Amino acid sequence: MAKNTKAIAGKASASAEERIYTIPLRKAWLSTPRNKRAKRSVNTIRLFLKKHMHSDVVKISSGLNEHLWYRGIEKPPGKVKIKARKNKEGLVWARLPNELDIQDKGKDKGRMSKLKERVAGTPLEKKVEQMEKAKEKKDLSKGESEVEKKENAHKEEAKPKEEPKNKETSSKKEKKPIKKK
């Protein structure tokens, strides 16, 4: 079952071990009522890790828990790939393979890395920025730069609106009632 077993180099101790498992959940939750399936999946992961990691205490990360519940209580995933780490006290932490390690979350990253994270933004924001840049390039290729556009916009705002000279030419014409004979 264990795909990868290794002692963690450079971490707390040599007795700590980390393994990657693919846990089948479908057999466990098919025999339970629909309104208890996600909860049963969480318990199945706990039982699986207690058996395979030889520990009584198993903690599940919030990311893994959200992954199990993201489609609701009735439709958890059929199988899940996890990374389990056992520390020297016998405590097992389960998380998704691409999720940050629980021990690494508390460490101070430093000012520059925090600043880079804030500036980088989310993938959605990056995509929006790329789309805006593409629009700017199209506008520049048409001949009018952004600076010229801003100047033209300011000139239009500064001009007073002219009123029509004749009342007849105005858009609001008074209609005369038609007399019938």
N, C-alpha and C. Protein backbone atom coordinates (compact mmCIF):
# COMPACT_ATOMS: atom_id res chain seq x y z
N MET A 1 0.81 -1.19 0.00
CA MET A 1 0.00 0.00 0.00
C MET A 1 0.85 1.26 0.00
N ALA A 2 1.93 1.27 0.78
CA ALA A 2 2.75 2.48 0.87
C ALA A 2 3.57 2.62 -0.40
N LYS A 3 3.40 3.73 -1.07
CA LYS A 3 4.14 3.96 -2.30
C LYS A 3 5.54 4.49 -2.03
N ASN A 4 5.65 5.32 -0.98
CA ASN A 4 6.91 5.97 -0.75
C ASN A 4 7.14 6.06 0.76
N THR A 5 8.22 5.46 1.23
CA THR A 5 8.56 5.54 2.64
C THR A 5 9.97 6.10 2.73
N LYS A 6 10.12 7.15 3.55
CA LYS A 6 11.45 7.72 3.69
C LYS A 6 11.59 8.40 5.04
N ALA A 7 12.79 8.37 5.57
CA ALA A 7 13.08 9.11 6.78
C ALA A 7 13.31 10.56 6.37
N ILE A 8 12.85 11.48 7.15
CA ILE A 8 12.93 12.89 6.80
C ILE A 8 14.32 13.40 7.11
N ALA A 9 15.01 13.86 6.09
CA ALA A 9 16.36 14.38 6.27
C ALA A 9 16.29 15.84 6.69
N GLY A 10 17.08 16.20 7.69
CA GLY A 10 17.14 17.58 8.12
C GLY A 10 15.97 18.01 8.99
N LYS A 11 15.09 17.15 9.36
CA LYS A 11 13.96 17.51 10.21
C LYS A 11 14.25 17.05 11.65
N ALA A 12 13.22 16.97 12.46
CA ALA A 12 13.36 16.77 13.90
C ALA A 12 14.21 15.56 14.28
N SER A 13 13.87 14.37 13.77
CA SER A 13 14.63 13.19 14.16
C SER A 13 14.56 12.14 13.06
N ALA A 14 15.42 11.12 13.19
CA ALA A 14 15.44 10.06 12.20
C ALA A 14 14.27 9.10 12.39
N SER A 15 13.63 9.13 13.58
CA SER A 15 12.52 8.22 13.82
C SER A 15 11.23 8.69 13.16
N ALA A 16 11.20 9.95 12.72
CA ALA A 16 10.00 10.45 12.04
C ALA A 16 9.97 9.86 10.64
N GLU A 17 8.78 9.46 10.18
CA GLU A 17 8.67 8.88 8.85
C GLU A 17 7.50 9.50 8.11
N GLU A 18 7.62 9.51 6.80
CA GLU A 18 6.60 10.09 5.94
C GLU A 18 6.25 9.10 4.85
N ARG A 19 4.96 8.91 4.61
CA ARG A 19 4.50 7.98 3.58
C ARG A 19 3.38 8.60 2.77
N ILE A 20 3.29 8.16 1.53
CA ILE A 20 2.20 8.60 0.66
C ILE A 20 1.29 7.40 0.41
N TYR A 21 0.00 7.59 0.68
CA TYR A 21 -0.98 6.53 0.50
C TYR A 21 -2.09 7.00 -0.43
N THR A 22 -2.66 6.05 -1.18
CA THR A 22 -3.92 6.27 -1.88
C THR A 22 -4.95 5.42 -1.16
N ILE A 23 -5.88 6.07 -0.50
CA ILE A 23 -6.84 5.37 0.34
C ILE A 23 -8.16 5.22 -0.40
N PRO A 24 -8.64 3.98 -0.57
CA PRO A 24 -9.95 3.78 -1.20
C PRO A 24 -11.06 4.05 -0.19
N LEU A 25 -11.99 4.90 -0.55
CA LEU A 25 -13.07 5.28 0.37
C LEU A 25 -14.44 4.75 -0.06
N ARG A 26 -14.60 4.44 -1.35
CA ARG A 26 -15.92 4.13 -1.89
C ARG A 26 -16.57 2.92 -1.20
N LYS A 27 -15.80 1.85 -0.96
CA LYS A 27 -16.38 0.66 -0.33
C LYS A 27 -16.92 0.99 1.06
N ALA A 28 -16.23 1.86 1.77
CA ALA A 28 -16.65 2.20 3.12
C ALA A 28 -17.92 3.02 3.12
N TRP A 29 -18.00 4.03 2.24
CA TRP A 29 -19.18 4.90 2.32
C TRP A 29 -20.37 4.42 1.52
N LEU A 30 -20.20 3.42 0.67
CA LEU A 30 -21.36 2.89 -0.06
C LEU A 30 -22.34 2.16 0.87
N SER A 31 -21.82 1.61 1.94
CA SER A 31 -22.68 0.86 2.87
C SER A 31 -23.32 1.75 3.94
N THR A 32 -23.05 3.07 3.88
CA THR A 32 -23.62 3.98 4.87
C THR A 32 -24.72 4.83 4.24
N PRO A 33 -25.60 5.41 5.04
CA PRO A 33 -26.63 6.30 4.49
C PRO A 33 -26.00 7.51 3.81
N ARG A 34 -26.72 8.07 2.83
CA ARG A 34 -26.21 9.19 2.06
C ARG A 34 -25.82 10.39 2.93
N ASN A 35 -26.58 10.63 3.97
CA ASN A 35 -26.33 11.82 4.78
C ASN A 35 -25.21 11.65 5.81
N LYS A 36 -24.43 10.56 5.70
CA LYS A 36 -23.32 10.35 6.63
C LYS A 36 -22.03 9.95 5.90
N ARG A 37 -22.00 10.09 4.58
CA ARG A 37 -20.88 9.56 3.80
C ARG A 37 -19.57 10.30 4.00
N ALA A 38 -19.58 11.62 4.03
CA ALA A 38 -18.34 12.37 4.21
C ALA A 38 -17.74 12.11 5.59
N LYS A 39 -18.60 12.06 6.58
CA LYS A 39 -18.14 11.77 7.94
C LYS A 39 -17.52 10.37 8.00
N ARG A 40 -18.14 9.42 7.32
CA ARG A 40 -17.61 8.05 7.28
C ARG A 40 -16.25 8.02 6.58
N SER A 41 -16.08 8.86 5.55
CA SER A 41 -14.80 8.93 4.84
C SER A 41 -13.69 9.41 5.76
N VAL A 42 -13.98 10.40 6.59
CA VAL A 42 -12.99 10.90 7.55
C VAL A 42 -12.62 9.80 8.53
N ASN A 43 -13.61 9.09 9.03
CA ASN A 43 -13.33 8.00 9.97
C ASN A 43 -12.55 6.87 9.31
N THR A 44 -12.83 6.60 8.03
CA THR A 44 -12.09 5.56 7.30
C THR A 44 -10.62 5.93 7.18
N ILE A 45 -10.34 7.19 6.91
CA ILE A 45 -8.94 7.65 6.82
C ILE A 45 -8.25 7.47 8.16
N ARG A 46 -8.94 7.85 9.24
CA ARG A 46 -8.36 7.68 10.58
C ARG A 46 -8.05 6.20 10.86
N LEU A 47 -9.00 5.30 10.58
CA LEU A 47 -8.77 3.87 10.82
C LEU A 47 -7.63 3.34 9.96
N PHE A 48 -7.58 3.74 8.70
CA PHE A 48 -6.54 3.29 7.79
C PHE A 48 -5.16 3.70 8.31
N LEU A 49 -5.03 4.97 8.74
CA LEU A 49 -3.73 5.45 9.21
C LEU A 49 -3.36 4.85 10.56
N LYS A 50 -4.33 4.59 11.42
CA LYS A 50 -4.02 3.93 12.69
C LYS A 50 -3.44 2.54 12.44
N LYS A 51 -4.01 1.85 11.46
CA LYS A 51 -3.57 0.49 11.14
C LYS A 51 -2.19 0.50 10.46
N HIS A 52 -2.01 1.36 9.45
CA HIS A 52 -0.80 1.31 8.65
C HIS A 52 0.38 2.09 9.23
N MET A 53 0.10 3.10 10.05
CA MET A 53 1.19 3.87 10.65
C MET A 53 1.46 3.45 12.10
N HIS A 54 0.67 2.52 12.62
CA HIS A 54 0.85 1.98 13.97
C HIS A 54 0.84 3.10 15.02
N SER A 55 -0.26 3.84 15.03
CA SER A 55 -0.40 4.95 15.97
C SER A 55 -1.85 5.03 16.45
N ASP A 56 -2.02 5.57 17.66
CA ASP A 56 -3.37 5.73 18.19
C ASP A 56 -3.93 7.12 17.93
N VAL A 57 -3.05 8.09 17.70
CA VAL A 57 -3.49 9.47 17.51
C VAL A 57 -3.25 9.88 16.05
N VAL A 58 -4.34 10.26 15.37
CA VAL A 58 -4.25 10.69 13.97
C VAL A 58 -4.92 12.05 13.84
N LYS A 59 -4.21 13.01 13.27
CA LYS A 59 -4.76 14.34 13.03
C LYS A 59 -4.91 14.54 11.52
N ILE A 60 -6.03 15.11 11.13
CA ILE A 60 -6.30 15.37 9.70
C ILE A 60 -6.24 16.87 9.47
N SER A 61 -5.51 17.29 8.45
CA SER A 61 -5.35 18.72 8.18
C SER A 61 -6.67 19.32 7.67
N SER A 62 -6.77 20.62 7.78
CA SER A 62 -7.99 21.30 7.33
C SER A 62 -8.13 21.21 5.81
N GLY A 63 -7.02 21.21 5.09
CA GLY A 63 -7.07 21.09 3.62
C GLY A 63 -7.62 19.75 3.18
N LEU A 64 -7.19 18.68 3.85
CA LEU A 64 -7.69 17.34 3.54
C LEU A 64 -9.18 17.24 3.90
N ASN A 65 -9.54 17.80 5.04
CA ASN A 65 -10.94 17.78 5.47
C ASN A 65 -11.82 18.52 4.46
N GLU A 66 -11.37 19.68 3.99
CA GLU A 66 -12.14 20.43 2.99
C GLU A 66 -12.25 19.65 1.68
N HIS A 67 -11.18 18.94 1.32
CA HIS A 67 -11.20 18.12 0.10
C HIS A 67 -12.26 17.02 0.20
N LEU A 68 -12.41 16.44 1.39
CA LEU A 68 -13.40 15.39 1.59
C LEU A 68 -14.83 15.94 1.57
N TRP A 69 -15.01 17.18 2.00
CA TRP A 69 -16.35 17.76 2.15
C TRP A 69 -16.73 18.71 1.02
N TYR A 70 -15.88 18.97 0.03
CA TYR A 70 -16.14 20.05 -0.93
C TYR A 70 -17.37 19.81 -1.80
N ARG A 71 -17.80 18.57 -1.99
CA ARG A 71 -19.03 18.30 -2.75
C ARG A 71 -20.22 18.00 -1.84
N GLY A 72 -20.03 18.21 -0.56
CA GLY A 72 -21.12 18.01 0.38
C GLY A 72 -21.00 16.69 1.12
N ILE A 73 -21.95 16.45 1.99
CA ILE A 73 -21.93 15.27 2.85
C ILE A 73 -22.27 14.00 2.08
N GLU A 74 -23.03 14.12 0.99
CA GLU A 74 -23.52 12.94 0.28
C GLU A 74 -22.57 12.41 -0.79
N LYS A 75 -21.62 13.23 -1.26
CA LYS A 75 -20.78 12.80 -2.38
C LYS A 75 -19.29 13.04 -2.12
N PRO A 76 -18.68 12.33 -1.17
CA PRO A 76 -17.23 12.46 -0.98
C PRO A 76 -16.49 11.76 -2.11
N PRO A 77 -15.18 12.04 -2.26
CA PRO A 77 -14.43 11.38 -3.33
C PRO A 77 -14.34 9.87 -3.10
N GLY A 78 -14.18 9.11 -4.16
CA GLY A 78 -14.09 7.66 -4.08
C GLY A 78 -12.76 7.18 -3.53
N LYS A 79 -11.71 7.95 -3.79
CA LYS A 79 -10.39 7.64 -3.23
C LYS A 79 -9.65 8.95 -3.05
N VAL A 80 -8.67 8.94 -2.18
CA VAL A 80 -7.92 10.16 -1.90
C VAL A 80 -6.45 9.81 -1.69
N LYS A 81 -5.59 10.66 -2.25
CA LYS A 81 -4.15 10.48 -2.09
C LYS A 81 -3.70 11.40 -0.98
N ILE A 82 -3.00 10.84 0.01
CA ILE A 82 -2.58 11.64 1.16
C ILE A 82 -1.10 11.43 1.45
N LYS A 83 -0.56 12.36 2.22
CA LYS A 83 0.80 12.23 2.72
C LYS A 83 0.69 12.19 4.23
N ALA A 84 1.18 11.11 4.84
CA ALA A 84 1.09 10.93 6.29
C ALA A 84 2.49 11.02 6.90
N ARG A 85 2.59 11.78 7.97
CA ARG A 85 3.87 11.94 8.66
C ARG A 85 3.69 11.58 10.13
N LYS A 86 4.58 10.73 10.60
CA LYS A 86 4.54 10.30 12.00
C LYS A 86 5.75 10.89 12.71
N ASN A 87 5.51 11.61 13.81
CA ASN A 87 6.63 12.19 14.54
C ASN A 87 7.14 11.23 15.62
N LYS A 88 8.13 11.65 16.36
CA LYS A 88 8.77 10.74 17.32
C LYS A 88 7.86 10.40 18.51
N GLU A 89 6.84 11.24 18.78
CA GLU A 89 5.90 10.94 19.86
C GLU A 89 4.82 9.96 19.43
N GLY A 90 4.73 9.64 18.15
CA GLY A 90 3.73 8.71 17.65
C GLY A 90 2.49 9.39 17.08
N LEU A 91 2.51 10.72 16.98
CA LEU A 91 1.39 11.47 16.42
C LEU A 91 1.48 11.46 14.90
N VAL A 92 0.36 11.13 14.24
CA VAL A 92 0.34 11.05 12.77
C VAL A 92 -0.47 12.24 12.22
N TRP A 93 0.15 12.96 11.30
CA TRP A 93 -0.52 14.08 10.62
C TRP A 93 -0.81 13.66 9.19
N ALA A 94 -2.06 13.78 8.77
CA ALA A 94 -2.46 13.46 7.40
C ALA A 94 -2.78 14.75 6.67
N ARG A 95 -2.27 14.87 5.43
CA ARG A 95 -2.53 16.05 4.62
C ARG A 95 -2.49 15.68 3.15
N LEU A 96 -2.93 16.59 2.30
CA LEU A 96 -2.83 16.37 0.86
C LEU A 96 -1.37 16.51 0.44
N PRO A 97 -0.93 15.82 -0.60
CA PRO A 97 0.49 15.89 -0.99
C PRO A 97 0.95 17.29 -1.38
N ASN A 98 0.08 18.10 -1.97
CA ASN A 98 0.49 19.43 -2.40
C ASN A 98 0.25 20.49 -1.33
N GLU A 99 -0.26 20.11 -0.18
CA GLU A 99 -0.54 21.04 0.91
C GLU A 99 0.73 21.31 1.70
N LEU A 100 0.85 22.52 2.25
CA LEU A 100 2.01 22.87 3.07
C LEU A 100 2.05 21.98 4.31
N ASP A 101 3.26 21.67 4.74
CA ASP A 101 3.41 20.85 5.93
C ASP A 101 2.97 21.65 7.15
N ILE A 102 2.39 21.00 8.11
CA ILE A 102 1.84 21.66 9.29
C ILE A 102 2.96 22.31 10.09
N GLN A 103 4.11 21.67 10.15
CA GLN A 103 5.23 22.23 10.90
C GLN A 103 5.81 23.45 10.18
N ASP A 104 5.75 23.48 8.85
CA ASP A 104 6.30 24.59 8.10
C ASP A 104 5.40 25.82 8.13
N LYS A 105 4.10 25.64 8.45
CA LYS A 105 3.17 26.78 8.47
C LYS A 105 3.52 27.77 9.55
N GLY A 106 3.98 27.29 10.70
CA GLY A 106 4.24 28.18 11.83
C GLY A 106 5.57 28.92 11.73
N LYS A 107 6.47 28.50 10.87
CA LYS A 107 7.78 29.12 10.77
C LYS A 107 7.68 30.50 10.15
N ASP A 108 8.56 31.40 10.61
CA ASP A 108 8.61 32.75 10.05
C ASP A 108 9.31 32.69 8.70
N LYS A 109 8.66 33.18 7.68
CA LYS A 109 9.22 33.09 6.34
C LYS A 109 10.16 34.26 6.02
N GLY A 110 10.04 35.34 6.75
CA GLY A 110 10.86 36.50 6.48
C GLY A 110 10.06 37.56 5.74
N ARG A 111 10.58 38.79 5.79
CA ARG A 111 9.84 39.91 5.20
C ARG A 111 9.70 39.82 3.70
N MET A 112 10.79 39.47 3.03
CA MET A 112 10.77 39.48 1.56
C MET A 112 9.82 38.43 1.00
N SER A 113 9.81 37.23 1.56
CA SER A 113 8.93 36.20 1.03
C SER A 113 7.46 36.54 1.29
N LYS A 114 7.17 37.17 2.45
CA LYS A 114 5.80 37.60 2.71
C LYS A 114 5.37 38.67 1.73
N LEU A 115 6.29 39.60 1.43
CA LEU A 115 5.99 40.67 0.49
C LEU A 115 5.75 40.10 -0.91
N LYS A 116 6.56 39.15 -1.32
CA LYS A 116 6.39 38.53 -2.64
C LYS A 116 5.05 37.82 -2.74
N GLU A 117 4.61 37.16 -1.66
CA GLU A 117 3.32 36.48 -1.67
C GLU A 117 2.18 37.48 -1.83
N ARG A 118 2.28 38.61 -1.14
CA ARG A 118 1.22 39.62 -1.24
C ARG A 118 1.18 40.24 -2.63
N VAL A 119 2.35 40.51 -3.18
CA VAL A 119 2.41 41.15 -4.50
C VAL A 119 1.99 40.18 -5.59
N ALA A 120 2.36 38.92 -5.44
CA ALA A 120 2.07 37.94 -6.48
C ALA A 120 0.57 37.79 -6.71
N GLY A 121 -0.20 37.76 -5.65
CA GLY A 121 -1.65 37.65 -5.79
C GLY A 121 -2.08 36.24 -6.14
N THR A 122 -3.35 36.11 -6.38
CA THR A 122 -3.92 34.81 -6.71
C THR A 122 -3.83 34.56 -8.20
N PRO A 123 -3.97 33.32 -8.64
CA PRO A 123 -3.94 33.03 -10.08
C PRO A 123 -5.02 33.78 -10.86
N LEU A 124 -6.18 33.99 -10.25
CA LEU A 124 -7.25 34.70 -10.92
C LEU A 124 -6.86 36.15 -11.17
N GLU A 125 -6.24 36.79 -10.16
CA GLU A 125 -5.79 38.16 -10.33
C GLU A 125 -4.73 38.26 -11.43
N LYS A 126 -3.84 37.28 -11.49
CA LYS A 126 -2.81 37.28 -12.53
C LYS A 126 -3.44 37.19 -13.91
N LYS A 127 -4.46 36.36 -14.03
CA LYS A 127 -5.13 36.19 -15.31
C LYS A 127 -5.81 37.50 -15.73
N VAL A 128 -6.43 38.18 -14.78
CA VAL A 128 -7.08 39.46 -15.07
C VAL A 128 -6.04 40.48 -15.52
N GLU A 129 -4.89 40.51 -14.84
CA GLU A 129 -3.82 41.43 -15.24
C GLU A 129 -3.33 41.14 -16.65
N GLN A 130 -3.20 39.87 -17.00
CA GLN A 130 -2.76 39.51 -18.35
C GLN A 130 -3.78 39.96 -19.38
N MET A 131 -5.06 39.81 -19.07
CA MET A 131 -6.10 40.24 -20.00
C MET A 131 -6.06 41.76 -20.18
N GLU A 132 -5.84 42.51 -19.09
CA GLU A 132 -5.75 43.96 -19.18
C GLU A 132 -4.56 44.38 -20.03
N LYS A 133 -3.43 43.69 -19.86
CA LYS A 133 -2.24 44.01 -20.66
C LYS A 133 -2.50 43.74 -22.14
N ALA A 134 -3.21 42.66 -22.42
CA ALA A 134 -3.53 42.34 -23.82
C ALA A 134 -4.42 43.42 -24.42
N LYS A 135 -5.39 43.92 -23.66
CA LYS A 135 -6.26 45.00 -24.14
C LYS A 135 -5.46 46.26 -24.40
N GLU A 136 -4.52 46.57 -23.50
CA GLU A 136 -3.68 47.76 -23.68
C GLU A 136 -2.86 47.64 -24.96
N LYS A 137 -2.33 46.46 -25.22
CA LYS A 137 -1.54 46.27 -26.44
C LYS A 137 -2.40 46.48 -27.68
N LYS A 138 -3.64 45.99 -27.65
CA LYS A 138 -4.53 46.18 -28.79
C LYS A 138 -4.83 47.66 -28.98
N ASP A 139 -5.07 48.38 -27.87
CA ASP A 139 -5.35 49.81 -27.96
C ASP A 139 -4.15 50.57 -28.50
N LEU A 140 -2.96 50.18 -28.06
CA LEU A 140 -1.75 50.85 -28.54
C LEU A 140 -1.52 50.59 -30.02
N SER A 141 -1.88 49.41 -30.47
CA SER A 141 -1.69 49.09 -31.87
C SER A 141 -2.65 49.88 -32.75
N LYS A 142 -3.77 50.33 -32.19
CA LYS A 142 -4.72 51.13 -32.96
C LYS A 142 -4.20 52.55 -33.16
N GLY A 143 -3.25 52.99 -32.37
CA GLY A 143 -2.64 54.28 -32.61
C GLY A 143 -2.75 55.25 -31.45
N GLU A 144 -3.70 55.12 -30.59
CA GLU A 144 -3.90 56.07 -29.51
C GLU A 144 -3.36 55.47 -28.22
N SER A 145 -2.43 56.16 -27.59
CA SER A 145 -1.85 55.63 -26.36
C SER A 145 -2.74 55.97 -25.17
N GLU A 146 -2.43 55.39 -24.02
CA GLU A 146 -3.23 55.63 -22.83
C GLU A 146 -3.14 57.08 -22.40
N VAL A 147 -1.96 57.67 -22.52
CA VAL A 147 -1.78 59.06 -22.12
C VAL A 147 -2.69 59.96 -22.96
N GLU A 148 -2.74 59.71 -24.26
CA GLU A 148 -3.60 60.50 -25.15
C GLU A 148 -5.07 60.30 -24.79
N LYS A 149 -5.44 59.09 -24.46
CA LYS A 149 -6.83 58.81 -24.08
C LYS A 149 -7.21 59.60 -22.84
N LYS A 150 -6.31 59.62 -21.83
CA LYS A 150 -6.60 60.34 -20.60
C LYS A 150 -6.72 61.84 -20.86
N GLU A 151 -5.83 62.36 -21.70
CA GLU A 151 -5.88 63.79 -22.02
C GLU A 151 -7.19 64.12 -22.73
N ASN A 152 -7.60 63.30 -23.68
CA ASN A 152 -8.85 63.53 -24.40
C ASN A 152 -10.04 63.46 -23.46
N ALA A 153 -10.01 62.55 -22.51
CA ALA A 153 -11.11 62.42 -21.56
C ALA A 153 -11.21 63.67 -20.68
N HIS A 154 -10.05 64.20 -20.25
CA HIS A 154 -10.05 65.41 -19.43
C HIS A 154 -10.55 66.61 -20.22
N LYS A 155 -10.20 66.72 -21.50
CA LYS A 155 -10.65 67.83 -22.34
C LYS A 155 -12.16 67.79 -22.51
N GLU A 156 -12.71 66.59 -22.70
CA GLU A 156 -14.14 66.45 -22.88
C GLU A 156 -14.90 66.83 -21.61
N GLU A 157 -14.35 66.48 -20.45
CA GLU A 157 -14.99 66.83 -19.19
C GLU A 157 -14.94 68.34 -18.95
N ALA A 158 -13.86 69.00 -19.37
CA ALA A 158 -13.68 70.43 -19.13
C ALA A 158 -14.60 71.28 -20.00
N LYS A 159 -15.00 70.81 -21.17
CA LYS A 159 -15.86 71.57 -22.07
C LYS A 159 -17.26 71.69 -21.48
N PRO A 160 -17.82 72.94 -21.48
CA PRO A 160 -19.20 73.08 -21.02
C PRO A 160 -20.15 72.54 -22.07
N LYS A 161 -21.23 72.01 -21.62
CA LYS A 161 -22.21 71.45 -22.55
C LYS A 161 -22.99 72.60 -23.17
N GLU A 162 -23.09 72.58 -24.48
CA GLU A 162 -23.80 73.64 -25.21
C GLU A 162 -25.28 73.29 -25.29
N GLU A 163 -26.10 74.33 -25.07
CA GLU A 163 -27.54 74.16 -25.19
C GLU A 163 -27.95 74.43 -26.63
N PRO A 164 -28.99 73.80 -27.12
CA PRO A 164 -29.43 74.06 -28.49
C PRO A 164 -29.92 75.50 -28.64
N LYS A 165 -29.62 76.10 -29.82
CA LYS A 165 -29.95 77.50 -30.06
C LYS A 165 -31.44 77.68 -30.29
N ASN A 166 -32.05 76.87 -31.06
CA ASN A 166 -33.47 76.97 -31.34
C ASN A 166 -34.24 75.96 -30.51
N LYS A 167 -35.42 76.38 -30.10
CA LYS A 167 -36.25 75.45 -29.34
C LYS A 167 -36.78 74.35 -30.25
N GLU A 168 -36.93 74.67 -31.52
CA GLU A 168 -37.46 73.69 -32.47
C GLU A 168 -36.46 72.57 -32.73
N THR A 169 -35.20 72.87 -32.67
CA THR A 169 -34.18 71.86 -32.94
C THR A 169 -33.90 70.97 -31.74
N SER A 170 -34.44 71.34 -30.62
CA SER A 170 -34.19 70.51 -29.43
C SER A 170 -34.88 69.17 -29.60
N SER A 171 -34.42 68.22 -28.86
CA SER A 171 -34.95 66.87 -28.98
C SER A 171 -36.36 66.75 -28.39
N LYS A 172 -36.70 67.65 -27.50
CA LYS A 172 -38.02 67.59 -26.89
C LYS A 172 -38.94 68.60 -27.61
N LYS A 173 -39.66 68.15 -28.59
CA LYS A 173 -40.60 69.00 -29.31
C LYS A 173 -41.98 68.84 -28.70
N GLU A 174 -42.66 69.96 -28.62
CA GLU A 174 -44.02 69.92 -28.11
C GLU A 174 -44.95 69.51 -29.24
N LYS A 175 -45.80 68.57 -28.98
CA LYS A 175 -46.73 68.11 -30.00
C LYS A 175 -48.05 68.85 -29.84
N LYS A 176 -48.57 69.31 -30.96
CA LYS A 176 -49.84 70.01 -30.95
C LYS A 176 -50.95 69.01 -31.18
N PRO A 177 -52.05 69.15 -30.45
CA PRO A 177 -53.15 68.19 -30.64
C PRO A 177 -53.79 68.39 -32.01
N ILE A 178 -54.18 67.32 -32.61
CA ILE A 178 -54.81 67.35 -33.93
C ILE A 178 -56.32 67.50 -33.73
N LYS A 179 -56.86 68.48 -34.42
CA LYS A 179 -58.31 68.72 -34.30
C LYS A 179 -59.03 67.93 -35.35
N LYS A 180 -60.05 67.23 -34.97
CA LYS A 180 -60.87 66.47 -35.91
C LYS A 180 -62.15 67.26 -36.22
N LYS A 181 -62.61 67.20 -37.45
CA LYS A 181 -63.80 67.94 -37.87
C LYS A 181 -65.02 67.09 -37.83
